[in-house]
Amino acid sequence: MSTFLIILIVLAAVAALVSLIRGIVSFLQTTEAELKSGADGPSVSSQKQNKMMFARVSFQAVAIILCVMLLALNRH
């Protein structure tokens, strides 16, 4: 069971890292024209950045919960 939890922790950490990288790439692709436009509501890139931030936080939360489960399981 411990090995399974460790694998899940690694997968959650990798997923958080991928979400972080995708969010940074989306941030870097934001153009100056897009930032200065007076459009109502958030832009497409802003929505993608928010989506990636939420995914990253979610994967980090899953990794922390799995770590707590692993520690509780291995407590003697």
PDB file of N, CA and C in Angstrom:
ATOM      1  N   MET A   1       0.823  -1.198   0.000  1.00  0.00           N
ATOM      2  CA  MET A   1       0.000   0.000   0.000  1.00  0.00           C
ATOM      3  C   MET A   1       0.864   1.258   0.000  1.00  0.00           C
ATOM      4  N   SER A   2       1.976   1.222   0.717  1.00  0.00           N
ATOM      5  CA  SER A   2       2.860   2.388   0.766  1.00  0.00           C
ATOM      6  C   SER A   2       3.424   2.714  -0.612  1.00  0.00           C
ATOM      7  N   THR A   3       3.792   1.690  -1.352  1.00  0.00           N
ATOM      8  CA  THR A   3       4.343   1.908  -2.694  1.00  0.00           C
ATOM      9  C   THR A   3       3.301   2.568  -3.596  1.00  0.00           C
ATOM     10  N   PHE A   4       2.073   2.127  -3.476  1.00  0.00           N
ATOM     11  CA  PHE A   4       0.992   2.700  -4.270  1.00  0.00           C
ATOM     12  C   PHE A   4       0.807   4.177  -3.947  1.00  0.00           C
ATOM     13  N   LEU A   5       0.829   4.523  -2.658  1.00  0.00           N
ATOM     14  CA  LEU A   5       0.676   5.923  -2.261  1.00  0.00           C
ATOM     15  C   LEU A   5       1.853   6.774  -2.739  1.00  0.00           C
ATOM     16  N   ILE A   6       3.051   6.214  -2.674  1.00  0.00           N
ATOM     17  CA  ILE A   6       4.224   6.944  -3.148  1.00  0.00           C
ATOM     18  C   ILE A   6       4.116   7.230  -4.644  1.00  0.00           C
ATOM     19  N   ILE A   7       3.655   6.252  -5.404  1.00  0.00           N
ATOM     20  CA  ILE A   7       3.463   6.447  -6.844  1.00  0.00           C
ATOM     21  C   ILE A   7       2.425   7.539  -7.092  1.00  0.00           C
ATOM     22  N   LEU A   8       1.332   7.516  -6.329  1.00  0.00           N
ATOM     23  CA  LEU A   8       0.301   8.547  -6.487  1.00  0.00           C
ATOM     24  C   LEU A   8       0.830   9.930  -6.113  1.00  0.00           C
ATOM     25  N   ILE A   9       1.676  10.005  -5.075  1.00  0.00           N
ATOM     26  CA  ILE A   9       2.267  11.283  -4.671  1.00  0.00           C
ATOM     27  C   ILE A   9       3.155  11.828  -5.787  1.00  0.00           C
ATOM     28  N   VAL A  10       3.969  10.964  -6.370  1.00  0.00           N
ATOM     29  CA  VAL A  10       4.852  11.389  -7.460  1.00  0.00           C
ATOM     30  C   VAL A  10       4.022  11.854  -8.653  1.00  0.00           C
ATOM     31  N   LEU A  11       2.972  11.131  -8.987  1.00  0.00           N
ATOM     32  CA  LEU A  11       2.113  11.533 -10.109  1.00  0.00           C
ATOM     33  C   LEU A  11       1.439  12.875  -9.846  1.00  0.00           C
ATOM     34  N   ALA A  12       0.968  13.090  -8.619  1.00  0.00           N
ATOM     35  CA  ALA A  12       0.335  14.367  -8.281  1.00  0.00           C
ATOM     36  C   ALA A  12       1.351  15.503  -8.340  1.00  0.00           C
ATOM     37  N   ALA A  13       2.574  15.250  -7.880  1.00  0.00           N
ATOM     38  CA  ALA A  13       3.617  16.277  -7.936  1.00  0.00           C
ATOM     39  C   ALA A  13       3.985  16.612  -9.382  1.00  0.00           C
ATOM     40  N   VAL A  14       4.080  15.598 -10.228  1.00  0.00           N
ATOM     41  CA  VAL A  14       4.386  15.829 -11.644  1.00  0.00           C
ATOM     42  C   VAL A  14       3.241  16.598 -12.305  1.00  0.00           C
ATOM     43  N   ALA A  15       2.020  16.249 -11.975  1.00  0.00           N
ATOM     44  CA  ALA A  15       0.869  16.962 -12.544  1.00  0.00           C
ATOM     45  C   ALA A  15       0.872  18.426 -12.096  1.00  0.00           C
ATOM     46  N   ALA A  16       1.234  18.691 -10.842  1.00  0.00           N
ATOM     47  CA  ALA A  16       1.328  20.073 -10.364  1.00  0.00           C
ATOM     48  C   ALA A  16       2.416  20.826 -11.113  1.00  0.00           C
ATOM     49  N   LEU A  17       3.543  20.176 -11.353  1.00  0.00           N
ATOM     50  CA  LEU A  17       4.635  20.801 -12.090  1.00  0.00           C
ATOM     51  C   LEU A  17       4.224  21.117 -13.528  1.00  0.00           C
ATOM     52  N   VAL A  18       3.539  20.192 -14.168  1.00  0.00           N
ATOM     53  CA  VAL A  18       3.074  20.411 -15.552  1.00  0.00           C
ATOM     54  C   VAL A  18       2.082  21.569 -15.592  1.00  0.00           C
ATOM     55  N   SER A  19       1.183  21.636 -14.620  1.00  0.00           N
ATOM     56  CA  SER A  19       0.227  22.747 -14.563  1.00  0.00           C
ATOM     57  C   SER A  19       0.941  24.068 -14.351  1.00  0.00           C
ATOM     58  N   LEU A  20       1.963  24.069 -13.512  1.00  0.00           N
ATOM     59  CA  LEU A  20       2.747  25.277 -13.293  1.00  0.00           C
ATOM     60  C   LEU A  20       3.423  25.742 -14.579  1.00  0.00           C
ATOM     61  N   ILE A  21       4.034  24.816 -15.281  1.00  0.00           N
ATOM     62  CA  ILE A  21       4.728  25.161 -16.525  1.00  0.00           C
ATOM     63  C   ILE A  21       3.743  25.668 -17.573  1.00  0.00           C
ATOM     64  N   ARG A  22       2.606  24.997 -17.706  1.00  0.00           N
ATOM     65  CA  ARG A  22       1.603  25.449 -18.681  1.00  0.00           C
ATOM     66  C   ARG A  22       1.069  26.832 -18.333  1.00  0.00           C
ATOM     67  N   GLY A  23       0.900  27.115 -17.043  1.00  0.00           N
ATOM     68  CA  GLY A  23       0.451  28.439 -16.615  1.00  0.00           C
ATOM     69  C   GLY A  23       1.480  29.511 -16.920  1.00  0.00           C
ATOM     70  N   ILE A  24       2.761  29.206 -16.691  1.00  0.00           N
ATOM     71  CA  ILE A  24       3.823  30.161 -16.994  1.00  0.00           C
ATOM     72  C   ILE A  24       3.901  30.419 -18.491  1.00  0.00           C
ATOM     73  N   VAL A  25       3.789  29.368 -19.285  1.00  0.00           N
ATOM     74  CA  VAL A  25       3.827  29.530 -20.750  1.00  0.00           C
ATOM     75  C   VAL A  25       2.649  30.390 -21.203  1.00  0.00           C
ATOM     76  N   SER A  26       1.488  30.156 -20.641  1.00  0.00           N
ATOM     77  CA  SER A  26       0.316  30.957 -20.995  1.00  0.00           C
ATOM     78  C   SER A  26       0.529  32.416 -20.602  1.00  0.00           C
ATOM     79  N   PHE A  27       1.137  32.637 -19.442  1.00  0.00           N
ATOM     80  CA  PHE A  27       1.437  33.996 -18.999  1.00  0.00           C
ATOM     81  C   PHE A  27       2.408  34.674 -19.960  1.00  0.00           C
ATOM     82  N   LEU A  28       3.422  33.962 -20.389  1.00  0.00           N
ATOM     83  CA  LEU A  28       4.421  34.541 -21.286  1.00  0.00           C
ATOM     84  C   LEU A  28       3.864  34.816 -22.680  1.00  0.00           C
ATOM     85  N   GLN A  29       2.817  34.123 -23.075  1.00  0.00           N
ATOM     86  CA  GLN A  29       2.225  34.319 -24.391  1.00  0.00           C
ATOM     87  C   GLN A  29       1.224  35.468 -24.426  1.00  0.00           C
ATOM     88  N   THR A  30       0.952  36.055 -23.269  1.00  0.00           N
ATOM     89  CA  THR A  30       0.030  37.183 -23.226  1.00  0.00           C
ATOM     90  C   THR A  30       0.660  38.369 -23.936  1.00  0.00           C
ATOM     91  N   THR A  31      -0.069  38.948 -24.867  1.00  0.00           N
ATOM     92  CA  THR A  31       0.475  40.053 -25.653  1.00  0.00           C
ATOM     93  C   THR A  31       0.142  41.395 -24.988  1.00  0.00           C
ATOM     94  N   GLU A  32       0.912  42.394 -25.335  1.00  0.00           N
ATOM     95  CA  GLU A  32       0.681  43.739 -24.800  1.00  0.00           C
ATOM     96  C   GLU A  32      -0.672  44.278 -25.265  1.00  0.00           C
ATOM     97  N   ALA A  33      -1.017  43.978 -26.504  1.00  0.00           N
ATOM     98  CA  ALA A  33      -2.303  44.433 -27.042  1.00  0.00           C
ATOM     99  C   ALA A  33      -3.466  43.824 -26.261  1.00  0.00           C
ATOM    100  N   GLU A  34      -3.298  42.579 -25.879  1.00  0.00           N
ATOM    101  CA  GLU A  34      -4.347  41.900 -25.116  1.00  0.00           C
ATOM    102  C   GLU A  34      -4.497  42.539 -23.734  1.00  0.00           C
ATOM    103  N   LEU A  35      -3.375  42.929 -23.141  1.00  0.00           N
ATOM    104  CA  LEU A  35      -3.413  43.560 -21.826  1.00  0.00           C
ATOM    105  C   LEU A  35      -4.039  44.958 -21.871  1.00  0.00           C
ATOM    106  N   LYS A  36      -3.800  45.687 -22.966  1.00  0.00           N
ATOM    107  CA  LYS A  36      -4.289  47.066 -23.082  1.00  0.00           C
ATOM    108  C   LYS A  36      -5.683  47.167 -23.683  1.00  0.00           C
ATOM    109  N   SER A  37      -6.217  46.067 -24.154  1.00  0.00           N
ATOM    110  CA  SER A  37      -7.553  46.124 -24.754  1.00  0.00           C
ATOM    111  C   SER A  37      -8.579  46.414 -23.663  1.00  0.00           C
ATOM    112  N   GLY A  38      -9.573  47.154 -24.035  1.00  0.00           N
ATOM    113  CA  GLY A  38     -10.613  47.509 -23.075  1.00  0.00           C
ATOM    114  C   GLY A  38     -11.779  46.539 -23.094  1.00  0.00           C
ATOM    115  N   ALA A  39     -11.509  45.309 -23.478  1.00  0.00           N
ATOM    116  CA  ALA A  39     -12.588  44.320 -23.596  1.00  0.00           C
ATOM    117  C   ALA A  39     -13.207  44.027 -22.235  1.00  0.00           C
ATOM    118  N   ASP A  40     -14.508  43.779 -22.255  1.00  0.00           N
ATOM    119  CA  ASP A  40     -15.198  43.413 -21.022  1.00  0.00           C
ATOM    120  C   ASP A  40     -14.882  41.966 -20.675  1.00  0.00           C
ATOM    121  N   GLY A  41     -14.629  41.719 -19.424  1.00  0.00           N
ATOM    122  CA  GLY A  41     -14.377  40.363 -18.963  1.00  0.00           C
ATOM    123  C   GLY A  41     -12.935  39.932 -19.191  1.00  0.00           C
ATOM    124  N   PRO A  42     -12.599  38.788 -18.663  1.00  0.00           N
ATOM    125  CA  PRO A  42     -11.217  38.302 -18.780  1.00  0.00           C
ATOM    126  C   PRO A  42     -10.913  37.810 -20.192  1.00  0.00           C
ATOM    127  N   SER A  43      -9.649  37.911 -20.557  1.00  0.00           N
ATOM    128  CA  SER A  43      -9.225  37.432 -21.873  1.00  0.00           C
ATOM    129  C   SER A  43      -9.081  35.913 -21.850  1.00  0.00           C
ATOM    130  N   VAL A  44      -8.880  35.354 -23.019  1.00  0.00           N
ATOM    131  CA  VAL A  44      -8.720  33.903 -23.137  1.00  0.00           C
ATOM    132  C   VAL A  44      -7.475  33.438 -22.384  1.00  0.00           C
ATOM    133  N   SER A  45      -6.389  34.197 -22.518  1.00  0.00           N
ATOM    134  CA  SER A  45      -5.166  33.793 -21.831  1.00  0.00           C
ATOM    135  C   SER A  45      -5.315  33.921 -20.317  1.00  0.00           C
ATOM    136  N   SER A  46      -6.048  34.919 -19.853  1.00  0.00           N
ATOM    137  CA  SER A  46      -6.293  35.058 -18.418  1.00  0.00           C
ATOM    138  C   SER A  46      -7.101  33.880 -17.883  1.00  0.00           C
ATOM    139  N   GLN A  47      -8.073  33.456 -18.660  1.00  0.00           N
ATOM    140  CA  GLN A  47      -8.874  32.306 -18.254  1.00  0.00           C
ATOM    141  C   GLN A  47      -8.020  31.043 -18.189  1.00  0.00           C
ATOM    142  N   LYS A  48      -7.115  30.879 -19.165  1.00  0.00           N
ATOM    143  CA  LYS A  48      -6.246  29.714 -19.159  1.00  0.00           C
ATOM    144  C   LYS A  48      -5.283  29.766 -17.970  1.00  0.00           C
ATOM    145  N   GLN A  49      -4.761  30.953 -17.663  1.00  0.00           N
ATOM    146  CA  GLN A  49      -3.874  31.104 -16.519  1.00  0.00           C
ATOM    147  C   GLN A  49      -4.593  30.727 -15.229  1.00  0.00           C
ATOM    148  N   ASN A  50      -5.822  31.188 -15.073  1.00  0.00           N
ATOM    149  CA  ASN A  50      -6.605  30.856 -13.880  1.00  0.00           C
ATOM    150  C   ASN A  50      -6.894  29.363 -13.802  1.00  0.00           C
ATOM    151  N   LYS A  51      -7.193  28.764 -14.938  1.00  0.00           N
ATOM    152  CA  LYS A  51      -7.469  27.326 -14.974  1.00  0.00           C
ATOM    153  C   LYS A  51      -6.234  26.529 -14.552  1.00  0.00           C
ATOM    154  N   MET A  52      -5.060  26.927 -15.055  1.00  0.00           N
ATOM    155  CA  MET A  52      -3.824  26.232 -14.709  1.00  0.00           C
ATOM    156  C   MET A  52      -3.463  26.442 -13.233  1.00  0.00           C
ATOM    157  N   MET A  53      -3.721  27.634 -12.706  1.00  0.00           N
ATOM    158  CA  MET A  53      -3.463  27.909 -11.290  1.00  0.00           C
ATOM    159  C   MET A  53      -4.351  27.031 -10.421  1.00  0.00           C
ATOM    160  N   PHE A  54      -5.627  26.931 -10.773  1.00  0.00           N
ATOM    161  CA  PHE A  54      -6.537  26.088  -9.999  1.00  0.00           C
ATOM    162  C   PHE A  54      -6.116  24.626 -10.064  1.00  0.00           C
ATOM    163  N   ALA A  55      -5.709  24.172 -11.253  1.00  0.00           N
ATOM    164  CA  ALA A  55      -5.257  22.783 -11.394  1.00  0.00           C
ATOM    165  C   ALA A  55      -4.016  22.532 -10.549  1.00  0.00           C
ATOM    166  N   ARG A  56      -3.071  23.487 -10.555  1.00  0.00           N
ATOM    167  CA  ARG A  56      -1.841  23.324  -9.781  1.00  0.00           C
ATOM    168  C   ARG A  56      -2.141  23.237  -8.292  1.00  0.00           C
ATOM    169  N   VAL A  57      -2.989  24.126  -7.816  1.00  0.00           N
ATOM    170  CA  VAL A  57      -3.344  24.107  -6.399  1.00  0.00           C
ATOM    171  C   VAL A  57      -4.068  22.810  -6.045  1.00  0.00           C
ATOM    172  N   SER A  58      -4.926  22.343  -6.924  1.00  0.00           N
ATOM    173  CA  SER A  58      -5.654  21.089  -6.679  1.00  0.00           C
ATOM    174  C   SER A  58      -4.696  19.894  -6.607  1.00  0.00           C
ATOM    175  N   PHE A  59      -3.761  19.811  -7.548  1.00  0.00           N
ATOM    176  CA  PHE A  59      -2.806  18.708  -7.526  1.00  0.00           C
ATOM    177  C   PHE A  59      -1.901  18.775  -6.303  1.00  0.00           C
ATOM    178  N   GLN A  60      -1.542  19.977  -5.885  1.00  0.00           N
ATOM    179  CA  GLN A  60      -0.735  20.108  -4.680  1.00  0.00           C
ATOM    180  C   GLN A  60      -1.517  19.646  -3.454  1.00  0.00           C
ATOM    181  N   ALA A  61      -2.788  19.979  -3.402  1.00  0.00           N
ATOM    182  CA  ALA A  61      -3.624  19.540  -2.289  1.00  0.00           C
ATOM    183  C   ALA A  61      -3.733  18.019  -2.251  1.00  0.00           C
ATOM    184  N   VAL A  62      -3.910  17.418  -3.416  1.00  0.00           N
ATOM    185  CA  VAL A  62      -3.975  15.950  -3.491  1.00  0.00           C
ATOM    186  C   VAL A  62      -2.664  15.336  -3.015  1.00  0.00           C
ATOM    187  N   ALA A  63      -1.541  15.916  -3.419  1.00  0.00           N
ATOM    188  CA  ALA A  63      -0.232  15.394  -3.002  1.00  0.00           C
ATOM    189  C   ALA A  63      -0.068  15.497  -1.490  1.00  0.00           C
ATOM    190  N   ILE A  64      -0.496  16.605  -0.907  1.00  0.00           N
ATOM    191  CA  ILE A  64      -0.389  16.770   0.546  1.00  0.00           C
ATOM    192  C   ILE A  64      -1.271  15.777   1.274  1.00  0.00           C
ATOM    193  N   ILE A  65      -2.486  15.585   0.802  1.00  0.00           N
ATOM    194  CA  ILE A  65      -3.394  14.619   1.436  1.00  0.00           C
ATOM    195  C   ILE A  65      -2.814  13.211   1.354  1.00  0.00           C
ATOM    196  N   LEU A  66      -2.234  12.871   0.211  1.00  0.00           N
ATOM    197  CA  LEU A  66      -1.612  11.553   0.060  1.00  0.00           C
ATOM    198  C   LEU A  66      -0.404  11.401   0.988  1.00  0.00           C
ATOM    199  N   CYS A  67       0.366  12.468   1.164  1.00  0.00           N
ATOM    200  CA  CYS A  67       1.504  12.416   2.096  1.00  0.00           C
ATOM    201  C   CYS A  67       1.022  12.182   3.523  1.00  0.00           C
ATOM    202  N   VAL A  68      -0.043  12.858   3.901  1.00  0.00           N
ATOM    203  CA  VAL A  68      -0.605  12.659   5.244  1.00  0.00           C
ATOM    204  C   VAL A  68      -1.089  11.224   5.400  1.00  0.00           C
ATOM    205  N   MET A  69      -1.729  10.689   4.383  1.00  0.00           N
ATOM    206  CA  MET A  69      -2.190   9.299   4.435  1.00  0.00           C
ATOM    207  C   MET A  69      -1.011   8.336   4.570  1.00  0.00           C
ATOM    208  N   LEU A  70       0.061   8.613   3.825  1.00  0.00           N
ATOM    209  CA  LEU A  70       1.246   7.763   3.887  1.00  0.00           C
ATOM    210  C   LEU A  70       1.874   7.812   5.274  1.00  0.00           C
ATOM    211  N   LEU A  71       1.973   8.994   5.847  1.00  0.00           N
ATOM    212  CA  LEU A  71       2.526   9.118   7.194  1.00  0.00           C
ATOM    213  C   LEU A  71       1.653   8.420   8.225  1.00  0.00           C
ATOM    214  N   ALA A  72       0.334   8.565   8.095  1.00  0.00           N
ATOM    215  CA  ALA A  72      -0.581   7.902   9.026  1.00  0.00           C
ATOM    216  C   ALA A  72      -0.501   6.374   8.874  1.00  0.00           C
ATOM    217  N   LEU A  73      -0.328   5.913   7.661  1.00  0.00           N
ATOM    218  CA  LEU A  73      -0.247   4.472   7.408  1.00  0.00           C
ATOM    219  C   LEU A  73       1.031   3.872   7.991  1.00  0.00           C
ATOM    220  N   ASN A  74       2.124   4.642   7.925  1.00  0.00           N
ATOM    221  CA  ASN A  74       3.411   4.131   8.395  1.00  0.00           C
ATOM    222  C   ASN A  74       3.681   4.407   9.864  1.00  0.00           C
ATOM    223  N   ARG A  75       2.752   5.024  10.546  1.00  0.00           N
ATOM    224  CA  ARG A  75       2.912   5.289  11.974  1.00  0.00           C
ATOM    225  C   ARG A  75       2.833   3.955  12.726  1.00  0.00           C
ATOM    226  N   HIS A  76       3.783   3.750  13.595  1.00  0.00           N
ATOM    227  CA  HIS A  76       3.809   2.478  14.342  1.00  0.00           C
ATOM    228  C   HIS A  76       3.407   2.692  15.775  1.00  0.00           C
TER     229      HIS A  76
END
